[in-house]
C-alpha atoms as a PDB file:
ATOM      1  CA  MET A   1     -70.643 -38.568   0.500  1.00  0.00           C
ATOM      2  CA  LYS A   2     -67.316 -36.865   0.670  1.00  0.00           C
ATOM      3  CA  THR A   3     -65.829 -39.456  -1.452  1.00  0.00           C
ATOM      4  CA  LEU A   4     -68.671 -39.030  -3.996  1.00  0.00           C
ATOM      5  CA  ILE A   5     -68.207 -35.236  -4.184  1.00  0.00           C
ATOM      6  CA  THR A   6     -64.372 -35.657  -4.704  1.00  0.00           C
ATOM      7  CA  LYS A   7     -64.954 -38.054  -7.510  1.00  0.00           C
ATOM      8  CA  PHE A   8     -67.453 -35.719  -9.084  1.00  0.00           C
ATOM      9  CA  PHE A   9     -64.957 -32.842  -8.998  1.00  0.00           C
ATOM     10  CA  ILE A  10     -62.190 -34.964 -10.687  1.00  0.00           C
ATOM     11  CA  VAL A  11     -64.564 -36.126 -13.309  1.00  0.00           C
ATOM     12  CA  SER A  12     -65.805 -32.796 -14.020  1.00  0.00           C
ATOM     13  CA  ALA A  13     -62.308 -31.447 -14.351  1.00  0.00           C
ATOM     14  CA  LEU A  14     -61.292 -34.032 -17.023  1.00  0.00           C
ATOM     15  CA  LEU A  15     -64.448 -33.303 -18.836  1.00  0.00           C
ATOM     16  CA  THR A  16     -63.483 -29.664 -18.952  1.00  0.00           C
ATOM     17  CA  LEU A  17     -59.984 -30.849 -20.355  1.00  0.00           C
ATOM     18  CA  LEU A  18     -61.983 -32.387 -23.350  1.00  0.00           C
ATOM     19  CA  THR A  19     -63.863 -29.000 -23.893  1.00  0.00           C
ATOM     20  CA  GLY A  20     -61.006 -26.644 -23.713  1.00  0.00           C
ATOM     21  CA  CYS A  21     -59.560 -24.765 -20.880  1.00  0.00           C
ATOM     22  CA  LYS A  22     -61.441 -21.494 -19.682  1.00  0.00           C
ATOM     23  CA  GLU A  23     -62.071 -20.139 -16.261  1.00  0.00           C
ATOM     24  CA  GLU A  24     -65.293 -21.397 -14.879  1.00  0.00           C
ATOM     25  CA  ALA A  25     -66.901 -22.842 -11.791  1.00  0.00           C
ATOM     26  CA  LEU A  26     -67.249 -26.713 -12.010  1.00  0.00           C
ATOM     27  CA  THR A  27     -70.274 -26.167  -9.526  1.00  0.00           C
ATOM     28  CA  ALA A  28     -72.027 -23.057 -10.216  1.00  0.00           C
ATOM     29  CA  THR A  29     -74.598 -23.299  -7.735  1.00  0.00           C
ATOM     30  CA  VAL A  30     -73.542 -22.648  -4.065  1.00  0.00           C
ATOM     31  CA  ARG A  31     -74.390 -21.703  -0.596  1.00  0.00           C
ATOM     32  CA  THR A  32     -72.336 -19.643   1.768  1.00  0.00           C
ATOM     33  CA  GLY A  33     -69.644 -21.826   3.353  1.00  0.00           C
ATOM     34  CA  ASP A  34     -69.311 -24.219   0.333  1.00  0.00           C
ATOM     35  CA  THR A  35     -66.417 -25.141  -1.721  1.00  0.00           C
ATOM     36  CA  VAL A  36     -66.211 -23.816  -5.280  1.00  0.00           C
ATOM     37  CA  ILE A  37     -63.740 -25.721  -7.911  1.00  0.00           C
ATOM     38  CA  VAL A  38     -62.653 -23.281 -10.403  1.00  0.00           C
ATOM     39  CA  SER A  39     -60.866 -24.247 -13.537  1.00  0.00           C
ATOM     40  CA  LEU A  40     -58.064 -21.891 -14.735  1.00  0.00           C
ATOM     41  CA  SER A  41     -57.272 -21.182 -18.265  1.00  0.00           C
ATOM     42  CA  ALA A  42     -53.838 -22.164 -19.720  1.00  0.00           C
ATOM     43  CA  ASP A  43     -53.570 -18.851 -21.485  1.00  0.00           C
ATOM     44  CA  ASP A  44     -54.168 -17.117 -18.071  1.00  0.00           C
ATOM     45  CA  LEU A  45     -51.197 -18.911 -16.630  1.00  0.00           C
ATOM     46  CA  ARG A  46     -49.076 -17.868 -19.691  1.00  0.00           C
ATOM     47  CA  GLU A  47     -48.524 -21.631 -20.483  1.00  0.00           C
ATOM     48  CA  SER A  48     -49.015 -21.457 -24.294  1.00  0.00           C
ATOM     49  CA  GLY A  49     -46.344 -22.650 -26.675  1.00  0.00           C
ATOM     50  CA  ASP A  50     -43.288 -24.642 -25.689  1.00  0.00           C
ATOM     51  CA  THR A  51     -43.434 -23.420 -21.873  1.00  0.00           C
ATOM     52  CA  GLY A  52     -46.767 -25.526 -21.445  1.00  0.00           C
ATOM     53  CA  GLY A  53     -45.371 -27.353 -18.233  1.00  0.00           C
ATOM     54  CA  SER A  54     -43.242 -24.658 -16.649  1.00  0.00           C
ATOM     55  CA  ALA A  55     -45.580 -22.322 -14.976  1.00  0.00           C
ATOM     56  CA  ILE A  56     -46.615 -22.904 -11.344  1.00  0.00           C
ATOM     57  CA  LEU A  57     -49.463 -21.071  -9.563  1.00  0.00           C
ATOM     58  CA  ARG A  58     -49.814 -21.457  -5.707  1.00  0.00           C
ATOM     59  CA  ALA A  59     -52.619 -20.732  -3.357  1.00  0.00           C
ATOM     60  CA  GLU A  60     -50.836 -17.897  -1.787  1.00  0.00           C
ATOM     61  CA  GLN A  61     -50.367 -16.168  -5.010  1.00  0.00           C
ATOM     62  CA  LEU A  62     -54.065 -16.171  -5.835  1.00  0.00           C
ATOM     63  CA  SER A  63     -56.677 -14.098  -4.094  1.00  0.00           C
ATOM     64  CA  ALA A  64     -60.595 -14.396  -4.417  1.00  0.00           C
ATOM     65  CA  SER A  65     -63.650 -12.105  -3.299  1.00  0.00           C
ATOM     66  CA  LEU A  66     -67.338 -12.628  -4.017  1.00  0.00           C
ATOM     67  CA  THR A  67     -69.774  -9.995  -4.824  1.00  0.00           C
ATOM     68  CA  ASP A  68     -73.123 -11.054  -4.076  1.00  0.00           C
ATOM     69  CA  ALA A  69     -76.495 -10.162  -5.539  1.00  0.00           C
ATOM     70  CA  ALA A  70     -76.805  -7.213  -3.030  1.00  0.00           C
ATOM     71  CA  ASN A  71     -73.589  -5.750  -4.478  1.00  0.00           C
ATOM     72  CA  THR A  72     -71.714  -6.521  -1.331  1.00  0.00           C
ATOM     73  CA  GLU A  73     -68.021  -7.790  -1.587  1.00  0.00           C
ATOM     74  CA  HIS A  74     -66.690 -10.570   0.644  1.00  0.00           C
ATOM     75  CA  SER A  75     -63.121 -11.902   0.705  1.00  0.00           C
ATOM     76  CA  VAL A  76     -63.216 -15.730   0.375  1.00  0.00           C
ATOM     77  CA  GLN A  77     -60.365 -18.342   1.185  1.00  0.00           C
ATOM     78  CA  VAL A  78     -58.354 -19.761  -1.653  1.00  0.00           C
ATOM     79  CA  ARG A  79     -57.455 -23.183  -0.158  1.00  0.00           C
ATOM     80  CA  GLN A  80     -55.672 -25.099  -2.654  1.00  0.00           C
ATOM     81  CA  VAL A  81     -54.274 -24.874  -6.357  1.00  0.00           C
ATOM     82  CA  PHE A  82     -53.380 -27.989  -8.189  1.00  0.00           C
ATOM     83  CA  ARG A  83     -53.391 -29.610 -11.505  1.00  0.00           C
ATOM     84  CA  VAL A  84     -55.233 -32.626 -13.021  1.00  0.00           C
ATOM     85  CA  TYR A  85     -54.316 -34.740 -16.216  1.00  0.00           C
ATOM     86  CA  ALA A  86     -56.235 -36.876 -18.344  1.00  0.00           C
ATOM     87  CA  ASP A  87     -55.574 -40.606 -18.530  1.00  0.00           C
ATOM     88  CA  PRO A  88     -52.274 -41.172 -20.209  1.00  0.00           C
ATOM     89  CA  THR A  89     -54.050 -43.284 -23.136  1.00  0.00           C
ATOM     90  CA  SER A  90     -56.757 -40.761 -23.890  1.00  0.00           C
ATOM     91  CA  GLU A  91     -57.014 -38.881 -26.959  1.00  0.00           C
ATOM     92  CA  VAL A  92     -57.104 -35.666 -25.116  1.00  0.00           C
ATOM     93  CA  GLN A  93     -53.717 -36.487 -23.465  1.00  0.00           C
ATOM     94  CA  GLN A  94     -52.198 -37.130 -26.810  1.00  0.00           C
ATOM     95  CA  LEU A  95     -53.445 -33.871 -28.289  1.00  0.00           C
ATOM     96  CA  ASP A  96     -52.758 -31.700 -25.358  1.00  0.00           C
ATOM     97  CA  ASN A  97     -51.103 -32.823 -22.247  1.00  0.00           C
ATOM     98  CA  ALA A  98     -50.426 -29.621 -20.370  1.00  0.00           C
ATOM     99  CA  GLY A  99     -53.001 -30.489 -17.650  1.00  0.00           C
ATOM    100  CA  LEU A 100     -55.614 -28.318 -16.205  1.00  0.00           C
ATOM    101  CA  TRP A 101     -55.093 -26.039 -13.270  1.00  0.00           C
ATOM    102  CA  LEU A 102     -57.801 -26.046 -10.547  1.00  0.00           C
ATOM    103  CA  ALA A 103     -58.436 -23.755  -7.711  1.00  0.00           C
ATOM    104  CA  ALA A 104     -60.571 -24.971  -4.371  1.00  0.00           C
ATOM    105  CA  ILE A 105     -62.104 -21.808  -2.959  1.00  0.00           C
ATOM    106  CA  ASP A 106     -64.035 -21.998   0.203  1.00  0.00           C
ATOM    107  CA  LEU A 107     -66.774 -19.373   0.635  1.00  0.00           C
ATOM    108  CA  VAL A 108     -65.728 -18.444   4.068  1.00  0.00           C
ATOM    109  CA  ASP A 109     -63.792 -15.417   5.484  1.00  0.00           C
ATOM    110  CA  PRO A 110     -59.834 -15.923   5.295  1.00  0.00           C
ATOM    111  CA  LEU A 111     -59.110 -14.796   8.599  1.00  0.00           C
ATOM    112  CA  SER A 112     -62.083 -16.010  10.923  1.00  0.00           C
ATOM    113  CA  ALA A 113     -63.081 -19.085   8.673  1.00  0.00           C
ATOM    114  CA  SER A 114     -66.799 -17.970   9.344  1.00  0.00           C
ATOM    115  CA  ALA A 115     -69.342 -18.105   6.524  1.00  0.00           C
ATOM    116  CA  PRO A 116     -70.353 -14.740   5.278  1.00  0.00           C
ATOM    117  CA  THR A 117     -73.961 -13.699   5.000  1.00  0.00           C
ATOM    118  CA  LEU A 118     -74.636 -13.902   1.092  1.00  0.00           C
ATOM    119  CA  ALA A 119     -77.638 -12.344  -0.645  1.00  0.00           C
ATOM    120  CA  SER A 120     -79.352 -14.954  -2.903  1.00  0.00           C
ATOM    121  CA  GLY A 121     -79.087 -14.568  -6.730  1.00  0.00           C
ATOM    122  CA  SER A 122     -76.428 -14.027  -9.283  1.00  0.00           C
ATOM    123  CA  ALA A 123     -72.822 -13.531  -7.644  1.00  0.00           C
ATOM    124  CA  GLU A 124     -69.491 -12.866  -9.250  1.00  0.00           C
ATOM    125  CA  LEU A 125     -66.351 -14.618  -8.013  1.00  0.00           C
ATOM    126  CA  THR A 126     -63.117 -12.458  -8.717  1.00  0.00           C
ATOM    127  CA  LEU A 127     -59.691 -14.202  -8.994  1.00  0.00           C
ATOM    128  CA  SER A 128     -56.500 -11.942  -8.879  1.00  0.00           C
ATOM    129  CA  ALA A 129     -52.957 -13.336  -9.424  1.00  0.00           C
ATOM    130  CA  PRO A 130     -50.569 -10.365 -10.301  1.00  0.00           C
ATOM    131  CA  GLY A 131     -47.849 -11.665 -12.585  1.00  0.00           C
ATOM    132  CA  TYR A 132     -49.847 -14.729 -13.555  1.00  0.00           C
ATOM    133  CA  PHE A 133     -53.185 -13.036 -14.940  1.00  0.00           C
ATOM    134  CA  ASP A 134     -52.878  -9.828 -16.959  1.00  0.00           C
ATOM    135  CA  THR A 135     -56.517  -8.850 -15.732  1.00  0.00           C
ATOM    136  CA  ASP A 136     -58.724 -10.344 -12.928  1.00  0.00           C
ATOM    137  CA  LYS A 137     -60.753 -13.245 -13.726  1.00  0.00           C
ATOM    138  CA  VAL A 138     -64.626 -13.158 -13.097  1.00  0.00           C
ATOM    139  CA  VAL A 139     -66.672 -16.122 -12.680  1.00  0.00           C
ATOM    140  CA  THR A 140     -70.514 -16.162 -12.208  1.00  0.00           C
ATOM    141  CA  LEU A 141     -72.148 -18.152  -9.412  1.00  0.00           C
ATOM    142  CA  GLU A 142     -75.659 -18.660  -8.368  1.00  0.00           C
ATOM    143  CA  VAL A 143     -76.130 -18.364  -4.664  1.00  0.00           C
ATOM    144  CA  VAL A 144     -79.049 -20.043  -2.767  1.00  0.00           C
ATOM    145  CA  ALA A 145     -80.319 -19.983   0.593  1.00  0.00           C
ATOM    146  CA  GLY A 146     -78.748 -22.438   3.102  1.00  0.00           C
ATOM    147  CA  LEU A 147     -75.469 -22.975   5.007  1.00  0.00           C
ATOM    148  CA  GLY A 148     -72.738 -25.099   3.555  1.00  0.00           C
ATOM    149  CA  THR A 149     -69.246 -26.528   4.730  1.00  0.00           C
ATOM    150  CA  PRO A 150     -66.000 -26.609   2.991  1.00  0.00           C
ATOM    151  CA  LYS A 151     -65.508 -29.972   1.256  1.00  0.00           C
ATOM    152  CA  THR A 152     -62.158 -32.004   1.806  1.00  0.00           C
ATOM    153  CA  PHE A 153     -60.563 -34.497  -0.748  1.00  0.00           C
ATOM    154  CA  GLY A 154     -61.222 -37.513   1.744  1.00  0.00           C
ATOM    155  CA  ASP A 155     -59.587 -40.088  -0.490  1.00  0.00           C
ATOM    156  CA  LEU A 156     -56.211 -38.545  -0.112  1.00  0.00           C
ATOM    157  CA  SER A 157     -54.297 -40.764   2.471  1.00  0.00           C
ATOM    158  CA  LEU A 158     -51.292 -38.499   2.492  1.00  0.00           C
ATOM    159  CA  GLY A 159     -53.213 -35.314   3.116  1.00  0.00           C
ATOM    160  CA  ALA A 160     -54.930 -32.683   0.693  1.00  0.00           C
ATOM    161  CA  GLU A 161     -51.759 -30.769   0.282  1.00  0.00           C
ATOM    162  CA  SER A 162     -49.965 -33.829  -1.224  1.00  0.00           C
ATOM    163  CA  ILE A 163     -51.698 -32.948  -4.875  1.00  0.00           C
ATOM    164  CA  GLU A 164     -50.104 -29.535  -4.927  1.00  0.00           C
ATOM    165  CA  PRO A 165     -46.792 -28.967  -6.787  1.00  0.00           C
ATOM    166  CA  ALA A 166     -43.651 -29.576  -4.756  1.00  0.00           C
ATOM    167  CA  PRO A 167     -41.119 -26.559  -4.360  1.00  0.00           C
ATOM    168  CA  GLN A 168     -38.997 -26.789  -7.272  1.00  0.00           C
ATOM    169  CA  ALA A 169     -36.496 -25.182  -9.499  1.00  0.00           C
ATOM    170  CA  LEU A 170     -36.481 -25.596 -13.340  1.00  0.00           C
ATOM    171  CA  ALA A 171     -33.223 -26.399 -15.381  1.00  0.00           C
ATOM    172  CA  THR A 172     -33.719 -25.066 -18.938  1.00  0.00           C
ATOM    173  CA  VAL A 173     -31.318 -25.644 -21.968  1.00  0.00           C
ATOM    174  CA  THR A 174     -30.926 -22.596 -24.034  1.00  0.00           C
ATOM    175  CA  GLY A 175     -28.839 -21.652 -27.113  1.00  0.00           C
ATOM    176  CA  SER A 176     -28.426 -21.826 -30.899  1.00  0.00           C
ATOM    177  CA  LEU A 177     -28.042 -25.405 -32.380  1.00  0.00           C
ATOM    178  CA  GLU A 178     -26.768 -23.901 -35.536  1.00  0.00           C
ATOM    179  CA  GLY A 179     -28.498 -26.770 -37.775  1.00  0.00           C
ATOM    180  CA  HIS A 180     -27.433 -29.659 -35.397  1.00  0.00           C
ATOM    181  CA  LEU A 181     -29.973 -31.801 -33.551  1.00  0.00           C
ATOM    182  CA  LEU A 182     -29.598 -32.194 -29.835  1.00  0.00           C
ATOM    183  CA  ALA A 183     -29.450 -35.862 -28.627  1.00  0.00           C
ATOM    184  CA  ALA A 184     -27.994 -35.900 -25.226  1.00  0.00           C
ATOM    185  CA  VAL A 185     -27.633 -33.483 -22.149  1.00  0.00           C
ATOM    186  CA  GLN A 186     -25.674 -34.318 -18.923  1.00  0.00           C
ATOM    187  CA  HIS A 187     -26.174 -31.906 -15.948  1.00  0.00           C
ATOM    188  CA  GLN A 188     -24.003 -32.076 -12.672  1.00  0.00           C
ATOM    189  CA  PHE A 189     -25.161 -30.791  -9.287  1.00  0.00           C
ATOM    190  CA  THR A 190     -23.231 -31.071  -6.095  1.00  0.00           C
ATOM    191  CA  ILE A 191     -25.688 -30.230  -3.268  1.00  0.00           C
ATOM    192  CA  PRO A 192     -24.789 -29.951   0.511  1.00  0.00           C
ATOM    193  CA  HIS A 193     -27.394 -32.472   1.921  1.00  0.00           C
ATOM    194  CA  SER A 194     -27.980 -36.162   1.595  1.00  0.00           C
ATOM    195  CA  ASP A 195     -30.961 -38.429   1.982  1.00  0.00           C
ATOM    196  CA  THR A 196     -32.219 -38.675   5.575  1.00  0.00           C
ATOM    197  CA  LEU A 197     -35.313 -39.487   7.776  1.00  0.00           C
ATOM    198  CA  ASP A 198     -38.172 -37.374   9.036  1.00  0.00           C
ATOM    199  CA  ILE A 199     -37.708 -37.497  12.666  1.00  0.00           C
ATOM    200  CA  ASP A 200     -41.358 -37.326  13.631  1.00  0.00           C
ATOM    201  CA  SER A 201     -42.791 -39.872  10.969  1.00  0.00           C
ATOM    202  CA  GLY A 202     -39.649 -42.012  10.159  1.00  0.00           C
ATOM    203  CA  THR A 203     -40.430 -41.136   6.531  1.00  0.00           C
ATOM    204  CA  ALA A 204     -37.426 -41.271   4.028  1.00  0.00           C
ATOM    205  CA  LEU A 205     -36.592 -37.917   2.597  1.00  0.00           C
ATOM    206  CA  LYS A 206     -34.741 -37.466  -0.634  1.00  0.00           C
ATOM    207  CA  ALA A 207     -32.275 -34.792  -1.005  1.00  0.00           C
ATOM    208  CA  ALA A 208     -32.495 -34.633  -4.645  1.00  0.00           C
ATOM    209  CA  LEU A 209     -35.392 -35.755  -6.930  1.00  0.00           C
ATOM    210  CA  VAL A 210     -35.168 -34.807 -10.804  1.00  0.00           C
ATOM    211  CA  LYS A 211     -38.459 -35.117 -12.788  1.00  0.00           C
ATOM    212  CA  LYS A 212     -39.437 -34.622 -16.453  1.00  0.00           C
ATOM    213  CA  LEU A 213     -42.242 -32.125 -16.890  1.00  0.00           C
ATOM    214  CA  PRO A 214     -45.711 -33.505 -18.069  1.00  0.00           C
ATOM    215  CA  GLY A 215     -45.924 -34.243 -21.626  1.00  0.00           C
ATOM    216  CA  GLN A 216     -42.333 -34.492 -22.350  1.00  0.00           C
ATOM    217  CA  GLU A 217     -42.289 -37.862 -24.175  1.00  0.00           C
ATOM    218  CA  MET A 218     -39.410 -37.406 -26.729  1.00  0.00           C
ATOM    219  CA  VAL A 219     -36.705 -37.302 -24.096  1.00  0.00           C
ATOM    220  CA  ASN A 220     -35.542 -39.981 -21.716  1.00  0.00           C
ATOM    221  CA  LEU A 221     -34.257 -39.403 -18.316  1.00  0.00           C
ATOM    222  CA  ASN A 222     -31.872 -41.114 -15.968  1.00  0.00           C
ATOM    223  CA  VAL A 223     -30.572 -39.871 -12.609  1.00  0.00           C
ATOM    224  CA  THR A 224     -27.733 -41.114 -10.358  1.00  0.00           C
ATOM    225  CA  THR A 225     -27.182 -39.859  -6.871  1.00  0.00           C
ATOM    226  CA  THR A 226     -24.044 -40.585  -4.761  1.00  0.00           C
ATOM    227  CA  ALA A 227     -23.616 -39.661  -1.333  1.00  0.00           C
ATOM    228  CA  THR A 228     -20.043 -38.250  -0.541  1.00  0.00           C
ATOM    229  CA  GLU A 229     -18.048 -38.547   2.825  1.00  0.00           C
ATOM    230  CA  SER A 230     -18.794 -35.030   3.630  1.00  0.00           C
ATOM    231  CA  GLY A 231     -22.407 -35.665   3.612  1.00  0.00           C
ATOM    232  CA  ALA A 232     -23.135 -33.818   0.350  1.00  0.00           C
ATOM    233  CA  THR A 233     -24.812 -35.549  -2.717  1.00  0.00           C
ATOM    234  CA  GLU A 234     -23.421 -35.819  -6.420  1.00  0.00           C
ATOM    235  CA  VAL A 235     -26.270 -35.666  -8.736  1.00  0.00           C
ATOM    236  CA  GLN A 236     -25.846 -36.624 -12.298  1.00  0.00           C
ATOM    237  CA  VAL A 237     -28.665 -36.126 -14.882  1.00  0.00           C
ATOM    238  CA  TYR A 238     -28.650 -37.783 -18.216  1.00  0.00           C
ATOM    239  CA  LEU A 239     -31.305 -36.779 -20.785  1.00  0.00           C
ATOM    240  CA  THR A 240     -31.361 -38.444 -24.319  1.00  0.00           C
ATOM    241  CA  ALA A 241     -33.250 -38.141 -27.384  1.00  0.00           C
ATOM    242  CA  VAL A 242     -32.111 -40.778 -29.828  1.00  0.00           C
ATOM    243  CA  GLU A 243     -33.216 -39.089 -32.990  1.00  0.00           C
ATOM    244  CA  GLY A 244     -32.180 -35.627 -31.837  1.00  0.00           C
ATOM    245  CA  LEU A 245     -34.568 -32.523 -31.364  1.00  0.00           C
ATOM    246  CA  ASN A 246     -34.349 -29.253 -33.083  1.00  0.00           C
ATOM    247  CA  GLU A 247     -33.985 -25.786 -31.463  1.00  0.00           C
ATOM    248  CA  ALA A 248     -37.798 -25.286 -31.337  1.00  0.00           C
ATOM    249  CA  GLN A 249     -38.030 -28.497 -29.197  1.00  0.00           C
ATOM    250  CA  LEU A 250     -35.466 -27.482 -26.608  1.00  0.00           C
ATOM    251  CA  SER A 251     -38.051 -27.321 -23.943  1.00  0.00           C
ATOM    252  CA  GLU A 252     -38.527 -31.018 -24.044  1.00  0.00           C
ATOM    253  CA  PHE A 253     -34.997 -31.188 -22.186  1.00  0.00           C
ATOM    254  CA  ASN A 254     -36.589 -28.950 -19.213  1.00  0.00           C
ATOM    255  CA  ILE A 255     -36.594 -30.701 -15.944  1.00  0.00           C
ATOM    256  CA  ALA A 256     -37.747 -29.998 -12.329  1.00  0.00           C
ATOM    257  CA  LEU A 257     -35.348 -30.022  -9.558  1.00  0.00           C
ATOM    258  CA  ILE A 258     -36.970 -31.061  -6.222  1.00  0.00           C
ATOM    259  CA  SER A 259     -35.716 -31.628  -2.637  1.00  0.00           C
ATOM    260  CA  GLN A 260     -37.659 -32.950   0.254  1.00  0.00           C
ATOM    261  CA  ILE A 261     -35.386 -31.363   2.828  1.00  0.00           C
ATOM    262  CA  ASP A 262     -36.908 -28.394   4.422  1.00  0.00           C
ATOM    263  CA  ALA A 263     -33.466 -26.556   4.639  1.00  0.00           C
ATOM    264  CA  ALA A 264     -32.805 -26.850   1.104  1.00  0.00           C
ATOM    265  CA  ASN A 265     -36.294 -25.495   0.091  1.00  0.00           C
ATOM    266  CA  ALA A 266     -35.742 -22.448   2.386  1.00  0.00           C
ATOM    267  CA  GLN A 267     -33.124 -21.213  -0.096  1.00  0.00           C
ATOM    268  CA  ASP A 268     -34.560 -19.830  -3.464  1.00  0.00           C
ATOM    269  CA  ASP A 269     -31.183 -19.995  -5.221  1.00  0.00           C
ATOM    270  CA  TYR A 270     -30.332 -23.705  -3.508  1.00  0.00           C
ATOM    271  CA  TRP A 271     -30.273 -25.475  -6.993  1.00  0.00           C
ATOM    272  CA  SER A 272     -28.512 -22.605  -9.106  1.00  0.00           C
ATOM    273  CA  GLN A 273     -25.831 -22.229  -6.390  1.00  0.00           C
ATOM    274  CA  HIS A 274     -24.874 -25.950  -6.380  1.00  0.00           C
ATOM    275  CA  TYR A 275     -25.010 -26.305 -10.187  1.00  0.00           C
ATOM    276  CA  SER A 276     -21.655 -27.740 -11.368  1.00  0.00           C
ATOM    277  CA  GLY A 277     -22.033 -27.644 -15.171  1.00  0.00           C
ATOM    278  CA  SER A 278     -23.415 -29.377 -18.244  1.00  0.00           C
ATOM    279  CA  GLN A 279     -22.513 -31.144 -21.413  1.00  0.00           C
ATOM    280  CA  TYR A 280     -24.315 -31.370 -24.600  1.00  0.00           C
ATOM    281  CA  PHE A 281     -24.058 -33.546 -27.659  1.00  0.00           C
ATOM    282  CA  ASP A 282     -25.645 -33.904 -31.138  1.00  0.00           C
ATOM    283  CA  THR A 283     -26.623 -36.919 -32.934  1.00  0.00           C
ATOM    284  CA  GLU A 284     -23.139 -37.508 -34.333  1.00  0.00           C
ATOM    285  CA  GLY A 285     -21.658 -37.452 -30.954  1.00  0.00           C
ATOM    286  CA  ASN A 286     -20.199 -33.803 -31.152  1.00  0.00           C
ATOM    287  CA  THR A 287     -20.106 -31.579 -28.274  1.00  0.00           C
ATOM    288  CA  LEU A 288     -22.252 -28.445 -28.678  1.00  0.00           C
ATOM    289  CA  SER A 289     -21.873 -24.955 -27.186  1.00  0.00           C
ATOM    290  CA  LEU A 290     -25.082 -24.581 -25.279  1.00  0.00           C
ATOM    291  CA  SER A 291     -25.970 -23.283 -21.752  1.00  0.00           C
ATOM    292  CA  THR A 292     -28.339 -24.155 -18.871  1.00  0.00           C
ATOM    293  CA  GLN A 293     -30.411 -21.758 -16.845  1.00  0.00           C
ATOM    294  CA  VAL A 294     -31.394 -22.834 -13.338  1.00  0.00           C
ATOM    295  CA  SER A 295     -34.288 -20.866 -11.836  1.00  0.00           C
ATOM    296  CA  ALA A 296     -34.989 -19.962  -8.233  1.00  0.00           C
ATOM    297  CA  ILE A 297     -37.175 -22.397  -6.500  1.00  0.00           C
ATOM    298  CA  ARG A 298     -40.875 -21.818  -7.274  1.00  0.00           C
END
């Protein structure tokens, strides 16, 4: 049954992608204790234009409360925030590949995990995310009698948290191309960690993972990592766009910088502190004067 519920949520999410992004509950009739899956508008997350894949919203940055038909307000638990994408071959993926953010909200008290007593009838679920939403978002639900239980994503062998965004910094190329087309970028990082093993599970942990953001199909990515004798890792990132991209397309060169080492993620400025420099080349092989901004880990 849990598998069926999980698949229903995902299918519902992709159908929502086809009809546009707007905050709404994918299951609008609920009991106290149930899990509600809410889609979040791309505009709410300030993901319009060329910054479509860069914003990240995490569960701890989102709060939720439910006001029932008796006008009683109840705090409820935001369990997970994650993003889903349409099939790579689908029409919607070709038209709009920013993905859809979803929030899994359990209708239980955040502190006690107990199901509140909710009056049956129309209710409003209010979502707040200062710095992400300009105003609170309100989703209408219909509360019915009965007691539900939070639903888990039972298909995920790695655990439910594995679908959430990893801690990451963003490297962004900025500047004026002055009529040139940017064809290649090389970034260098020297980070003070190397690949290791998790002591408890024996799982391999990568000191440096570099990923393109979803939807960036015009740029090719190659990464080399080399362990040094001191235990550090030299990271070389090569981004190429054979036909060259103009200034309005610079966000295609944005990359996510990820480490699976807890000590690295504990430092907000980890990647910016260990950024060594970049080079930029146009379609004729000429060096361009641009710059790279490396954000704090989000």
